Amino acid sequence: MAKILEIRVGPPRDALDRFEAAWNRLADGAKVSPVRVLTLQDLPSVVRTLSPERWKLLQNLRNNGSCSIYQLAKRLNRNYKNVHTDVTALIDAGLIEKISRTEIAVAWDAVRAELRF
């Protein structure tokens, strides 16, 4: 089964609403499937989080496999410090995961964005 991360634009309370709904379903004895959602406040936040350079970084990491930040910077022919900054932001957002002390990877097969007015 493909691991898909959904990116949504909305207020932080949306995540709390999803949590509360899941909690209530569990309390009622219903089965709850994990939902993988990253909610960002607005479109500028989406664009900052997934800038073209960060998107290339994610694609490279997903297509070529896990590696260190240093190796990724070499693959991308980019400055290590800038790649480190981007990787840190993407880890914080949940788009990249650390799989060891030095290796990072993309855990998602796809990222799906939903932008509502």
PDB file of N, CA and C in Angstrom:
ATOM      1  N   MET A   1       0.837  -1.181   0.000  1.00  0.00           N
ATOM      2  CA  MET A   1       0.000   0.000   0.000  1.00  0.00           C
ATOM      3  C   MET A   1       0.884   1.246   0.000  1.00  0.00           C
ATOM      4  N   ALA A   2       0.584   2.188  -0.853  1.00  0.00           N
ATOM      5  CA  ALA A   2       1.373   3.415  -0.965  1.00  0.00           C
ATOM      6  C   ALA A   2       1.178   4.279   0.272  1.00  0.00           C
ATOM      7  N   LYS A   3       2.277   4.862   0.720  1.00  0.00           N
ATOM      8  CA  LYS A   3       2.222   5.802   1.840  1.00  0.00           C
ATOM      9  C   LYS A   3       2.093   7.200   1.257  1.00  0.00           C
ATOM     10  N   ILE A   4       0.946   7.820   1.539  1.00  0.00           N
ATOM     11  CA  ILE A   4       0.655   9.136   0.989  1.00  0.00           C
ATOM     12  C   ILE A   4       0.523  10.135   2.126  1.00  0.00           C
ATOM     13  N   LEU A   5       1.199  11.264   1.983  1.00  0.00           N
ATOM     14  CA  LEU A   5       1.077  12.367   2.925  1.00  0.00           C
ATOM     15  C   LEU A   5       0.181  13.416   2.285  1.00  0.00           C
ATOM     16  N   GLU A   6      -0.856  13.809   3.002  1.00  0.00           N
ATOM     17  CA  GLU A   6      -1.742  14.857   2.512  1.00  0.00           C
ATOM     18  C   GLU A   6      -1.315  16.181   3.123  1.00  0.00           C
ATOM     19  N   ILE A   7      -1.203  17.193   2.289  1.00  0.00           N
ATOM     20  CA  ILE A   7      -0.912  18.547   2.752  1.00  0.00           C
ATOM     21  C   ILE A   7      -2.189  19.355   2.565  1.00  0.00           C
ATOM     22  N   ARG A   8      -2.612  19.977   3.647  1.00  0.00           N
ATOM     23  CA  ARG A   8      -3.825  20.794   3.606  1.00  0.00           C
ATOM     24  C   ARG A   8      -3.514  22.187   4.114  1.00  0.00           C
ATOM     25  N   VAL A   9      -4.284  23.144   3.640  1.00  0.00           N
ATOM     26  CA  VAL A   9      -4.192  24.514   4.126  1.00  0.00           C
ATOM     27  C   VAL A   9      -5.360  24.725   5.076  1.00  0.00           C
ATOM     28  N   GLY A  10      -5.044  25.191   6.267  1.00  0.00           N
ATOM     29  CA  GLY A  10      -6.098  25.436   7.240  1.00  0.00           C
ATOM     30  C   GLY A  10      -5.521  25.846   8.575  1.00  0.00           C
ATOM     31  N   PRO A  11      -6.382  26.191   9.494  1.00  0.00           N
ATOM     32  CA  PRO A  11      -5.924  26.600  10.818  1.00  0.00           C
ATOM     33  C   PRO A  11      -5.449  25.398  11.630  1.00  0.00           C
ATOM     34  N   PRO A  12      -4.593  25.640  12.638  1.00  0.00           N
ATOM     35  CA  PRO A  12      -4.092  24.536  13.472  1.00  0.00           C
ATOM     36  C   PRO A  12      -5.203  23.724  14.143  1.00  0.00           C
ATOM     37  N   ARG A  13      -6.339  24.343  14.384  1.00  0.00           N
ATOM     38  CA  ARG A  13      -7.423  23.615  15.061  1.00  0.00           C
ATOM     39  C   ARG A  13      -7.932  22.439  14.234  1.00  0.00           C
ATOM     40  N   ASP A  14      -7.672  22.456  12.900  1.00  0.00           N
ATOM     41  CA  ASP A  14      -8.093  21.329  12.063  1.00  0.00           C
ATOM     42  C   ASP A  14      -7.457  20.028  12.537  1.00  0.00           C
ATOM     43  N   ALA A  15      -6.196  20.081  12.910  1.00  0.00           N
ATOM     44  CA  ALA A  15      -5.510  18.879  13.414  1.00  0.00           C
ATOM     45  C   ALA A  15      -6.155  18.424  14.720  1.00  0.00           C
ATOM     46  N   LEU A  16      -6.508  19.361  15.575  1.00  0.00           N
ATOM     47  CA  LEU A  16      -7.170  19.006  16.831  1.00  0.00           C
ATOM     48  C   LEU A  16      -8.549  18.413  16.573  1.00  0.00           C
ATOM     49  N   ASP A  17      -9.251  18.940  15.595  1.00  0.00           N
ATOM     50  CA  ASP A  17     -10.564  18.386  15.244  1.00  0.00           C
ATOM     51  C   ASP A  17     -10.440  16.948  14.752  1.00  0.00           C
ATOM     52  N   ARG A  18      -9.412  16.665  13.925  1.00  0.00           N
ATOM     53  CA  ARG A  18      -9.191  15.287  13.444  1.00  0.00           C
ATOM     54  C   ARG A  18      -8.862  14.362  14.603  1.00  0.00           C
ATOM     55  N   PHE A  19      -8.038  14.847  15.535  1.00  0.00           N
ATOM     56  CA  PHE A  19      -7.679  14.049  16.709  1.00  0.00           C
ATOM     57  C   PHE A  19      -8.921  13.742  17.541  1.00  0.00           C
ATOM     58  N   GLU A  20      -9.735  14.745  17.786  1.00  0.00           N
ATOM     59  CA  GLU A  20     -10.945  14.552  18.601  1.00  0.00           C
ATOM     60  C   GLU A  20     -11.897  13.564  17.932  1.00  0.00           C
ATOM     61  N   ALA A  21     -12.058  13.676  16.628  1.00  0.00           N
ATOM     62  CA  ALA A  21     -12.945  12.760  15.904  1.00  0.00           C
ATOM     63  C   ALA A  21     -12.430  11.324  15.999  1.00  0.00           C
ATOM     64  N   ALA A  22     -11.114  11.145  15.848  1.00  0.00           N
ATOM     65  CA  ALA A  22     -10.524   9.801  15.955  1.00  0.00           C
ATOM     66  C   ALA A  22     -10.698   9.256  17.370  1.00  0.00           C
ATOM     67  N   TRP A  23     -10.488  10.101  18.352  1.00  0.00           N
ATOM     68  CA  TRP A  23     -10.636   9.701  19.766  1.00  0.00           C
ATOM     69  C   TRP A  23     -12.064   9.227  20.027  1.00  0.00           C
ATOM     70  N   ASN A  24     -13.031   9.977  19.520  1.00  0.00           N
ATOM     71  CA  ASN A  24     -14.435   9.603  19.723  1.00  0.00           C
ATOM     72  C   ASN A  24     -14.778   8.297  19.009  1.00  0.00           C
ATOM     73  N   ARG A  25     -14.230   8.096  17.808  1.00  0.00           N
ATOM     74  CA  ARG A  25     -14.477   6.836  17.104  1.00  0.00           C
ATOM     75  C   ARG A  25     -13.889   5.656  17.878  1.00  0.00           C
ATOM     76  N   LEU A  26     -12.683   5.845  18.419  1.00  0.00           N
ATOM     77  CA  LEU A  26     -12.073   4.786  19.235  1.00  0.00           C
ATOM     78  C   LEU A  26     -12.904   4.505  20.475  1.00  0.00           C
ATOM     79  N   ALA A  27     -13.376   5.550  21.126  1.00  0.00           N
ATOM     80  CA  ALA A  27     -14.191   5.396  22.330  1.00  0.00           C
ATOM     81  C   ALA A  27     -15.483   4.640  22.022  1.00  0.00           C
ATOM     82  N   ASP A  28     -16.003   4.790  20.810  1.00  0.00           N
ATOM     83  CA  ASP A  28     -17.217   4.089  20.388  1.00  0.00           C
ATOM     84  C   ASP A  28     -16.924   2.681  19.896  1.00  0.00           C
ATOM     85  N   GLY A  29     -15.635   2.282  19.883  1.00  0.00           N
ATOM     86  CA  GLY A  29     -15.262   0.947  19.459  1.00  0.00           C
ATOM     87  C   GLY A  29     -15.049   0.797  17.965  1.00  0.00           C
ATOM     88  N   ALA A  30     -15.054   1.896  17.251  1.00  0.00           N
ATOM     89  CA  ALA A  30     -14.861   1.836  15.799  1.00  0.00           C
ATOM     90  C   ALA A  30     -13.374   1.716  15.470  1.00  0.00           C
ATOM     91  N   LYS A  31     -13.115   1.164  14.301  1.00  0.00           N
ATOM     92  CA  LYS A  31     -11.734   1.059  13.835  1.00  0.00           C
ATOM     93  C   LYS A  31     -11.296   2.417  13.269  1.00  0.00           C
ATOM     94  N   VAL A  32     -10.071   2.801  13.601  1.00  0.00           N
ATOM     95  CA  VAL A  32      -9.547   4.085  13.129  1.00  0.00           C
ATOM     96  C   VAL A  32      -8.313   3.823  12.276  1.00  0.00           C
ATOM     97  N   SER A  33      -8.356   4.310  11.054  1.00  0.00           N
ATOM     98  CA  SER A  33      -7.198   4.195  10.169  1.00  0.00           C
ATOM     99  C   SER A  33      -6.312   5.417  10.367  1.00  0.00           C
ATOM    100  N   PRO A  34      -5.001   5.224  10.338  1.00  0.00           N
ATOM    101  CA  PRO A  34      -4.128   6.393  10.491  1.00  0.00           C
ATOM    102  C   PRO A  34      -4.283   7.350   9.322  1.00  0.00           C
ATOM    103  N   VAL A  35      -4.316   8.621   9.637  1.00  0.00           N
ATOM    104  CA  VAL A  35      -4.400   9.663   8.625  1.00  0.00           C
ATOM    105  C   VAL A  35      -3.090  10.425   8.676  1.00  0.00           C
ATOM    106  N   ARG A  36      -2.463  10.535   7.551  1.00  0.00           N
ATOM    107  CA  ARG A  36      -1.175  11.237   7.483  1.00  0.00           C
ATOM    108  C   ARG A  36      -1.416  12.580   6.812  1.00  0.00           C
ATOM    109  N   VAL A  37      -1.534  13.613   7.643  1.00  0.00           N
ATOM    110  CA  VAL A  37      -1.875  14.943   7.143  1.00  0.00           C
ATOM    111  C   VAL A  37      -0.922  15.968   7.734  1.00  0.00           C
ATOM    112  N   LEU A  38      -0.428  16.834   6.893  1.00  0.00           N
ATOM    113  CA  LEU A  38       0.351  17.995   7.313  1.00  0.00           C
ATOM    114  C   LEU A  38      -0.502  19.210   6.995  1.00  0.00           C
ATOM    115  N   THR A  39      -0.926  19.922   8.033  1.00  0.00           N
ATOM    116  CA  THR A  39      -1.749  21.110   7.838  1.00  0.00           C
ATOM    117  C   THR A  39      -0.866  22.338   7.975  1.00  0.00           C
ATOM    118  N   LEU A  40      -0.867  23.154   6.943  1.00  0.00           N
ATOM    119  CA  LEU A  40      -0.120  24.405   6.956  1.00  0.00           C
ATOM    120  C   LEU A  40      -1.112  25.557   6.945  1.00  0.00           C
ATOM    121  N   GLN A  41      -0.732  26.654   7.556  1.00  0.00           N
ATOM    122  CA  GLN A  41      -1.639  27.765   7.815  1.00  0.00           C
ATOM    123  C   GLN A  41      -2.207  28.420   6.560  1.00  0.00           C
ATOM    124  N   ASP A  42      -1.362  28.600   5.542  1.00  0.00           N
ATOM    125  CA  ASP A  42      -1.812  29.311   4.350  1.00  0.00           C
ATOM    126  C   ASP A  42      -0.930  28.927   3.170  1.00  0.00           C
ATOM    127  N   LEU A  43      -1.309  29.403   1.984  1.00  0.00           N
ATOM    128  CA  LEU A  43      -0.557  29.074   0.782  1.00  0.00           C
ATOM    129  C   LEU A  43       0.903  29.531   0.855  1.00  0.00           C
ATOM    130  N   PRO A  44       1.203  30.734   1.366  1.00  0.00           N
ATOM    131  CA  PRO A  44       2.616  31.098   1.496  1.00  0.00           C
ATOM    132  C   PRO A  44       3.420  30.105   2.347  1.00  0.00           C
ATOM    133  N   SER A  45       2.801  29.515   3.355  1.00  0.00           N
ATOM    134  CA  SER A  45       3.487  28.500   4.169  1.00  0.00           C
ATOM    135  C   SER A  45       3.772  27.244   3.355  1.00  0.00           C
ATOM    136  N   VAL A  46       2.837  26.874   2.492  1.00  0.00           N
ATOM    137  CA  VAL A  46       3.043  25.715   1.617  1.00  0.00           C
ATOM    138  C   VAL A  46       4.212  25.992   0.673  1.00  0.00           C
ATOM    139  N   VAL A  47       4.216  27.182   0.079  1.00  0.00           N
ATOM    140  CA  VAL A  47       5.266  27.536  -0.878  1.00  0.00           C
ATOM    141  C   VAL A  47       6.630  27.601  -0.191  1.00  0.00           C
ATOM    142  N   ARG A  48       6.692  28.136   1.036  1.00  0.00           N
ATOM    143  CA  ARG A  48       7.954  28.173   1.778  1.00  0.00           C
ATOM    144  C   ARG A  48       8.429  26.761   2.126  1.00  0.00           C
ATOM    145  N   THR A  49       7.497  25.923   2.562  1.00  0.00           N
ATOM    146  CA  THR A  49       7.852  24.561   2.964  1.00  0.00           C
ATOM    147  C   THR A  49       8.278  23.720   1.771  1.00  0.00           C
ATOM    148  N   LEU A  50       7.594  23.875   0.666  1.00  0.00           N
ATOM    149  CA  LEU A  50       7.883  23.079  -0.530  1.00  0.00           C
ATOM    150  C   LEU A  50       8.387  23.968  -1.658  1.00  0.00           C
ATOM    151  N   SER A  51       9.429  24.724  -1.386  1.00  0.00           N
ATOM    152  CA  SER A  51      10.042  25.557  -2.425  1.00  0.00           C
ATOM    153  C   SER A  51      10.570  24.650  -3.538  1.00  0.00           C
ATOM    154  N   PRO A  52      10.821  25.207  -4.715  1.00  0.00           N
ATOM    155  CA  PRO A  52      11.349  24.377  -5.808  1.00  0.00           C
ATOM    156  C   PRO A  52      12.635  23.632  -5.430  1.00  0.00           C
ATOM    157  N   GLU A  53      13.545  24.271  -4.705  1.00  0.00           N
ATOM    158  CA  GLU A  53      14.787  23.596  -4.307  1.00  0.00           C
ATOM    159  C   GLU A  53      14.510  22.463  -3.324  1.00  0.00           C
ATOM    160  N   ARG A  54      13.576  22.683  -2.403  1.00  0.00           N
ATOM    161  CA  ARG A  54      13.228  21.627  -1.442  1.00  0.00           C
ATOM    162  C   ARG A  54      12.511  20.483  -2.145  1.00  0.00           C
ATOM    163  N   TRP A  55      11.696  20.794  -3.142  1.00  0.00           N
ATOM    164  CA  TRP A  55      11.014  19.740  -3.890  1.00  0.00           C
ATOM    165  C   TRP A  55      12.028  18.883  -4.643  1.00  0.00           C
ATOM    166  N   LYS A  56      13.027  19.521  -5.265  1.00  0.00           N
ATOM    167  CA  LYS A  56      14.092  18.770  -5.941  1.00  0.00           C
ATOM    168  C   LYS A  56      14.829  17.885  -4.953  1.00  0.00           C
ATOM    169  N   LEU A  57      15.073  18.408  -3.765  1.00  0.00           N
ATOM    170  CA  LEU A  57      15.749  17.654  -2.716  1.00  0.00           C
ATOM    171  C   LEU A  57      14.931  16.413  -2.359  1.00  0.00           C
ATOM    172  N   LEU A  58      13.622  16.593  -2.150  1.00  0.00           N
ATOM    173  CA  LEU A  58      12.751  15.468  -1.820  1.00  0.00           C
ATOM    174  C   LEU A  58      12.732  14.428  -2.940  1.00  0.00           C
ATOM    175  N   GLN A  59      12.628  14.894  -4.180  1.00  0.00           N
ATOM    176  CA  GLN A  59      12.618  13.970  -5.317  1.00  0.00           C
ATOM    177  C   GLN A  59      13.911  13.183  -5.391  1.00  0.00           C
ATOM    178  N   ASN A  60      15.036  13.857  -5.212  1.00  0.00           N
ATOM    179  CA  ASN A  60      16.327  13.182  -5.282  1.00  0.00           C
ATOM    180  C   ASN A  60      16.440  12.140  -4.191  1.00  0.00           C
ATOM    181  N   LEU A  61      16.048  12.507  -2.997  1.00  0.00           N
ATOM    182  CA  LEU A  61      16.149  11.585  -1.866  1.00  0.00           C
ATOM    183  C   LEU A  61      15.220  10.391  -2.058  1.00  0.00           C
ATOM    184  N   ARG A  62      14.028  10.629  -2.560  1.00  0.00           N
ATOM    185  CA  ARG A  62      13.071   9.538  -2.786  1.00  0.00           C
ATOM    186  C   ARG A  62      13.534   8.627  -3.922  1.00  0.00           C
ATOM    187  N   ASN A  63      14.004   9.227  -5.019  1.00  0.00           N
ATOM    188  CA  ASN A  63      14.383   8.435  -6.192  1.00  0.00           C
ATOM    189  C   ASN A  63      15.709   7.709  -6.036  1.00  0.00           C
ATOM    190  N   ASN A  64      16.641   8.289  -5.270  1.00  0.00           N
ATOM    191  CA  ASN A  64      17.980   7.713  -5.159  1.00  0.00           C
ATOM    192  C   ASN A  64      18.275   7.057  -3.818  1.00  0.00           C
ATOM    193  N   GLY A  65      17.329   7.089  -2.909  1.00  0.00           N
ATOM    194  CA  GLY A  65      17.488   6.390  -1.644  1.00  0.00           C
ATOM    195  C   GLY A  65      18.105   7.237  -0.540  1.00  0.00           C
ATOM    196  N   SER A  66      18.093   6.671   0.635  1.00  0.00           N
ATOM    197  CA  SER A  66      18.575   7.365   1.829  1.00  0.00           C
ATOM    198  C   SER A  66      20.066   7.654   1.723  1.00  0.00           C
ATOM    199  N   CYS A  67      20.478   8.698   2.442  1.00  0.00           N
ATOM    200  CA  CYS A  67      21.888   9.073   2.471  1.00  0.00           C
ATOM    201  C   CYS A  67      22.088  10.099   3.575  1.00  0.00           C
ATOM    202  N   SER A  68      23.309  10.538   3.730  1.00  0.00           N
ATOM    203  CA  SER A  68      23.604  11.605   4.689  1.00  0.00           C
ATOM    204  C   SER A  68      23.314  12.951   4.030  1.00  0.00           C
ATOM    205  N   ILE A  69      23.239  13.988   4.840  1.00  0.00           N
ATOM    206  CA  ILE A  69      23.031  15.332   4.298  1.00  0.00           C
ATOM    207  C   ILE A  69      24.209  15.717   3.406  1.00  0.00           C
ATOM    208  N   TYR A  70      25.411  15.351   3.822  1.00  0.00           N
ATOM    209  CA  TYR A  70      26.605  15.645   3.024  1.00  0.00           C
ATOM    210  C   TYR A  70      26.500  14.997   1.645  1.00  0.00           C
ATOM    211  N   GLN A  71      26.115  13.716   1.619  1.00  0.00           N
ATOM    212  CA  GLN A  71      25.977  13.013   0.340  1.00  0.00           C
ATOM    213  C   GLN A  71      24.874  13.645  -0.514  1.00  0.00           C
ATOM    214  N   LEU A  72      23.792  14.053   0.138  1.00  0.00           N
ATOM    215  CA  LEU A  72      22.695  14.682  -0.591  1.00  0.00           C
ATOM    216  C   LEU A  72      23.139  16.007  -1.206  1.00  0.00           C
ATOM    217  N   ALA A  73      23.898  16.786  -0.467  1.00  0.00           N
ATOM    218  CA  ALA A  73      24.414  18.059  -0.993  1.00  0.00           C
ATOM    219  C   ALA A  73      25.285  17.803  -2.225  1.00  0.00           C
ATOM    220  N   LYS A  74      26.100  16.756  -2.171  1.00  0.00           N
ATOM    221  CA  LYS A  74      26.942  16.414  -3.324  1.00  0.00           C
ATOM    222  C   LYS A  74      26.076  15.977  -4.511  1.00  0.00           C
ATOM    223  N   ARG A  75      25.059  15.160  -4.259  1.00  0.00           N
ATOM    224  CA  ARG A  75      24.159  14.714  -5.325  1.00  0.00           C
ATOM    225  C   ARG A  75      23.505  15.897  -6.026  1.00  0.00           C
ATOM    226  N   LEU A  76      23.115  16.891  -5.217  1.00  0.00           N
ATOM    227  CA  LEU A  76      22.378  18.042  -5.742  1.00  0.00           C
ATOM    228  C   LEU A  76      23.287  19.159  -6.233  1.00  0.00           C
ATOM    229  N   ASN A  77      24.588  19.001  -5.977  1.00  0.00           N
ATOM    230  CA  ASN A  77      25.561  20.037  -6.329  1.00  0.00           C
ATOM    231  C   ASN A  77      25.181  21.379  -5.682  1.00  0.00           C
ATOM    232  N   ARG A  78      24.835  21.280  -4.369  1.00  0.00           N
ATOM    233  CA  ARG A  78      24.440  22.457  -3.596  1.00  0.00           C
ATOM    234  C   ARG A  78      25.330  22.598  -2.373  1.00  0.00           C
ATOM    235  N   ASN A  79      25.329  23.780  -1.816  1.00  0.00           N
ATOM    236  CA  ASN A  79      26.072  24.082  -0.603  1.00  0.00           C
ATOM    237  C   ASN A  79      25.532  23.253   0.566  1.00  0.00           C
ATOM    238  N   TYR A  80      26.437  22.636   1.330  1.00  0.00           N
ATOM    239  CA  TYR A  80      26.038  21.784   2.452  1.00  0.00           C
ATOM    240  C   TYR A  80      25.144  22.534   3.438  1.00  0.00           C
ATOM    241  N   LYS A  81      25.527  23.755   3.810  1.00  0.00           N
ATOM    242  CA  LYS A  81      24.764  24.512   4.812  1.00  0.00           C
ATOM    243  C   LYS A  81      23.326  24.742   4.350  1.00  0.00           C
ATOM    244  N   ASN A  82      23.146  25.084   3.084  1.00  0.00           N
ATOM    245  CA  ASN A  82      21.799  25.304   2.562  1.00  0.00           C
ATOM    246  C   ASN A  82      20.984  24.012   2.535  1.00  0.00           C
ATOM    247  N   VAL A  83      21.619  22.913   2.155  1.00  0.00           N
ATOM    248  CA  VAL A  83      20.925  21.620   2.153  1.00  0.00           C
ATOM    249  C   VAL A  83      20.567  21.231   3.584  1.00  0.00           C
ATOM    250  N   HIS A  84      21.480  21.454   4.521  1.00  0.00           N
ATOM    251  CA  HIS A  84      21.215  21.147   5.936  1.00  0.00           C
ATOM    252  C   HIS A  84      20.010  21.951   6.440  1.00  0.00           C
ATOM    253  N   THR A  85      19.957  23.228   6.094  1.00  0.00           N
ATOM    254  CA  THR A  85      18.830  24.077   6.498  1.00  0.00           C
ATOM    255  C   THR A  85      17.524  23.541   5.922  1.00  0.00           C
ATOM    256  N   ASP A  86      17.535  23.177   4.637  1.00  0.00           N
ATOM    257  CA  ASP A  86      16.331  22.640   3.999  1.00  0.00           C
ATOM    258  C   ASP A  86      15.926  21.303   4.611  1.00  0.00           C
ATOM    259  N   VAL A  87      16.884  20.429   4.840  1.00  0.00           N
ATOM    260  CA  VAL A  87      16.583  19.122   5.426  1.00  0.00           C
ATOM    261  C   VAL A  87      15.991  19.288   6.820  1.00  0.00           C
ATOM    262  N   THR A  88      16.550  20.170   7.620  1.00  0.00           N
ATOM    263  CA  THR A  88      16.028  20.403   8.973  1.00  0.00           C
ATOM    264  C   THR A  88      14.575  20.868   8.916  1.00  0.00           C
ATOM    265  N   ALA A  89      14.278  21.790   8.017  1.00  0.00           N
ATOM    266  CA  ALA A  89      12.899  22.277   7.876  1.00  0.00           C
ATOM    267  C   ALA A  89      11.966  21.161   7.418  1.00  0.00           C
ATOM    268  N   LEU A  90      12.432  20.317   6.515  1.00  0.00           N
ATOM    269  CA  LEU A  90      11.600  19.226   6.007  1.00  0.00           C
ATOM    270  C   LEU A  90      11.417  18.121   7.043  1.00  0.00           C
ATOM    271  N   ILE A  91      12.413  17.909   7.895  1.00  0.00           N
ATOM    272  CA  ILE A  91      12.256  16.969   9.014  1.00  0.00           C
ATOM    273  C   ILE A  91      11.213  17.516   9.973  1.00  0.00           C
ATOM    274  N   ASP A  92      11.317  18.805  10.303  1.00  0.00           N
ATOM    275  CA  ASP A  92      10.359  19.431  11.217  1.00  0.00           C
ATOM    276  C   ASP A  92       8.932  19.354  10.676  1.00  0.00           C
ATOM    277  N   ALA A  93       8.778  19.432   9.363  1.00  0.00           N
ATOM    278  CA  ALA A  93       7.459  19.362   8.740  1.00  0.00           C
ATOM    279  C   ALA A  93       6.951  17.928   8.605  1.00  0.00           C
ATOM    280  N   GLY A  94       7.831  16.939   8.776  1.00  0.00           N
ATOM    281  CA  GLY A  94       7.426  15.546   8.645  1.00  0.00           C
ATOM    282  C   GLY A  94       7.550  14.989   7.241  1.00  0.00           C
ATOM    283  N   LEU A  95       8.238  15.713   6.367  1.00  0.00           N
ATOM    284  CA  LEU A  95       8.407  15.249   4.991  1.00  0.00           C
ATOM    285  C   LEU A  95       9.639  14.373   4.818  1.00  0.00           C
ATOM    286  N   ILE A  96      10.600  14.515   5.717  1.00  0.00           N
ATOM    287  CA  ILE A  96      11.811  13.689   5.727  1.00  0.00           C
ATOM    288  C   ILE A  96      11.933  13.098   7.125  1.00  0.00           C
ATOM    289  N   GLU A  97      12.488  11.886   7.202  1.00  0.00           N
ATOM    290  CA  GLU A  97      12.724  11.285   8.509  1.00  0.00           C
ATOM    291  C   GLU A  97      14.179  10.875   8.644  1.00  0.00           C
ATOM    292  N   LYS A  98      14.667  10.925   9.869  1.00  0.00           N
ATOM    293  CA  LYS A  98      16.005  10.429  10.157  1.00  0.00           C
ATOM    294  C   LYS A  98      15.879   8.932  10.386  1.00  0.00           C
ATOM    295  N   ILE A  99      16.670   8.156   9.662  1.00  0.00           N
ATOM    296  CA  ILE A  99      16.594   6.705   9.831  1.00  0.00           C
ATOM    297  C   ILE A  99      17.783   6.171  10.615  1.00  0.00           C
ATOM    298  N   SER A 100      18.780   7.016  10.807  1.00  0.00           N
ATOM    299  CA  SER A 100      19.905   6.691  11.676  1.00  0.00           C
ATOM    300  C   SER A 100      20.524   8.012  12.110  1.00  0.00           C
ATOM    301  N   ARG A 101      21.608   7.935  12.817  1.00  0.00           N
ATOM    302  CA  ARG A 101      22.254   9.159  13.295  1.00  0.00           C
ATOM    303  C   ARG A 101      22.657  10.069  12.140  1.00  0.00           C
ATOM    304  N   THR A 102      23.016   9.475  11.003  1.00  0.00           N
ATOM    305  CA  THR A 102      23.500  10.275   9.884  1.00  0.00           C
ATOM    306  C   THR A 102      22.640  10.188   8.619  1.00  0.00           C
ATOM    307  N   GLU A 103      21.753   9.198   8.532  1.00  0.00           N
ATOM    308  CA  GLU A 103      20.994   9.016   7.288  1.00  0.00           C
ATOM    309  C   GLU A 103      19.578   9.548   7.390  1.00  0.00           C
ATOM    310  N   ILE A 104      19.136  10.108   6.265  1.00  0.00           N
ATOM    311  CA  ILE A 104      17.780  10.624   6.143  1.00  0.00           C
ATOM    312  C   ILE A 104      17.108   9.944   4.967  1.00  0.00           C
ATOM    313  N   ALA A 105      15.776   9.971   4.979  1.00  0.00           N
ATOM    314  CA  ALA A 105      15.008   9.346   3.893  1.00  0.00           C
ATOM    315  C   ALA A 105      13.654  10.012   3.784  1.00  0.00           C
ATOM    316  N   VAL A 106      13.025   9.818   2.636  1.00  0.00           N
ATOM    317  CA  VAL A 106      11.642  10.240   2.432  1.00  0.00           C
ATOM    318  C   VAL A 106      10.787   9.010   2.665  1.00  0.00           C
ATOM    319  N   ALA A 107       9.839   9.118   3.581  1.00  0.00           N
ATOM    320  CA  ALA A 107       9.009   7.970   3.934  1.00  0.00           C
ATOM    321  C   ALA A 107       7.758   7.850   3.073  1.00  0.00           C
ATOM    322  N   TRP A 108       7.518   8.851   2.226  1.00  0.00           N
ATOM    323  CA  TRP A 108       6.271   8.905   1.473  1.00  0.00           C
ATOM    324  C   TRP A 108       6.471   8.479   0.028  1.00  0.00           C
ATOM    325  N   ASP A 109       5.478   7.790  -0.498  1.00  0.00           N
ATOM    326  CA  ASP A 109       5.483   7.452  -1.921  1.00  0.00           C
ATOM    327  C   ASP A 109       4.930   8.610  -2.740  1.00  0.00           C
ATOM    328  N   ALA A 110       4.064   9.396  -2.108  1.00  0.00           N
ATOM    329  CA  ALA A 110       3.440  10.531  -2.788  1.00  0.00           C
ATOM    330  C   ALA A 110       3.043  11.583  -1.775  1.00  0.00           C
ATOM    331  N   VAL A 111       2.996  12.811  -2.233  1.00  0.00           N
ATOM    332  CA  VAL A 111       2.496  13.927  -1.437  1.00  0.00           C
ATOM    333  C   VAL A 111       1.322  14.511  -2.214  1.00  0.00           C
ATOM    334  N   ARG A 112       0.196  14.603  -1.545  1.00  0.00           N
ATOM    335  CA  ARG A 112      -1.024  15.107  -2.170  1.00  0.00           C
ATOM    336  C   ARG A 112      -1.397  16.412  -1.466  1.00  0.00           C
ATOM    337  N   ALA A 113      -1.600  17.463  -2.228  1.00  0.00           N
ATOM    338  CA  ALA A 113      -1.958  18.753  -1.642  1.00  0.00           C
ATOM    339  C   ALA A 113      -3.418  19.076  -1.940  1.00  0.00           C
ATOM    340  N   GLU A 114      -4.058  19.594  -0.926  1.00  0.00           N
ATOM    341  CA  GLU A 114      -5.455  20.041  -1.068  1.00  0.00           C
ATOM    342  C   GLU A 114      -5.503  21.483  -0.615  1.00  0.00           C
ATOM    343  N   LEU A 115      -5.851  22.374  -1.525  1.00  0.00           N
ATOM    344  CA  LEU A 115      -5.897  23.798  -1.229  1.00  0.00           C
ATOM    345  C   LEU A 115      -7.349  24.269  -1.351  1.00  0.00           C
ATOM    346  N   ARG A 116      -7.929  24.623  -0.231  1.00  0.00           N
ATOM    347  CA  ARG A 116      -9.318  25.105  -0.234  1.00  0.00           C
ATOM    348  C   ARG A 116      -9.362  26.585   0.086  1.00  0.00           C
ATOM    349  N   PHE A 117     -10.388  27.226  -0.406  1.00  0.00           N
ATOM    350  CA  PHE A 117     -10.577  28.648  -0.127  1.00  0.00           C
ATOM    351  C   PHE A 117     -11.243  28.817   1.214  1.00  0.00           C
TER     352      PHE A 117
END
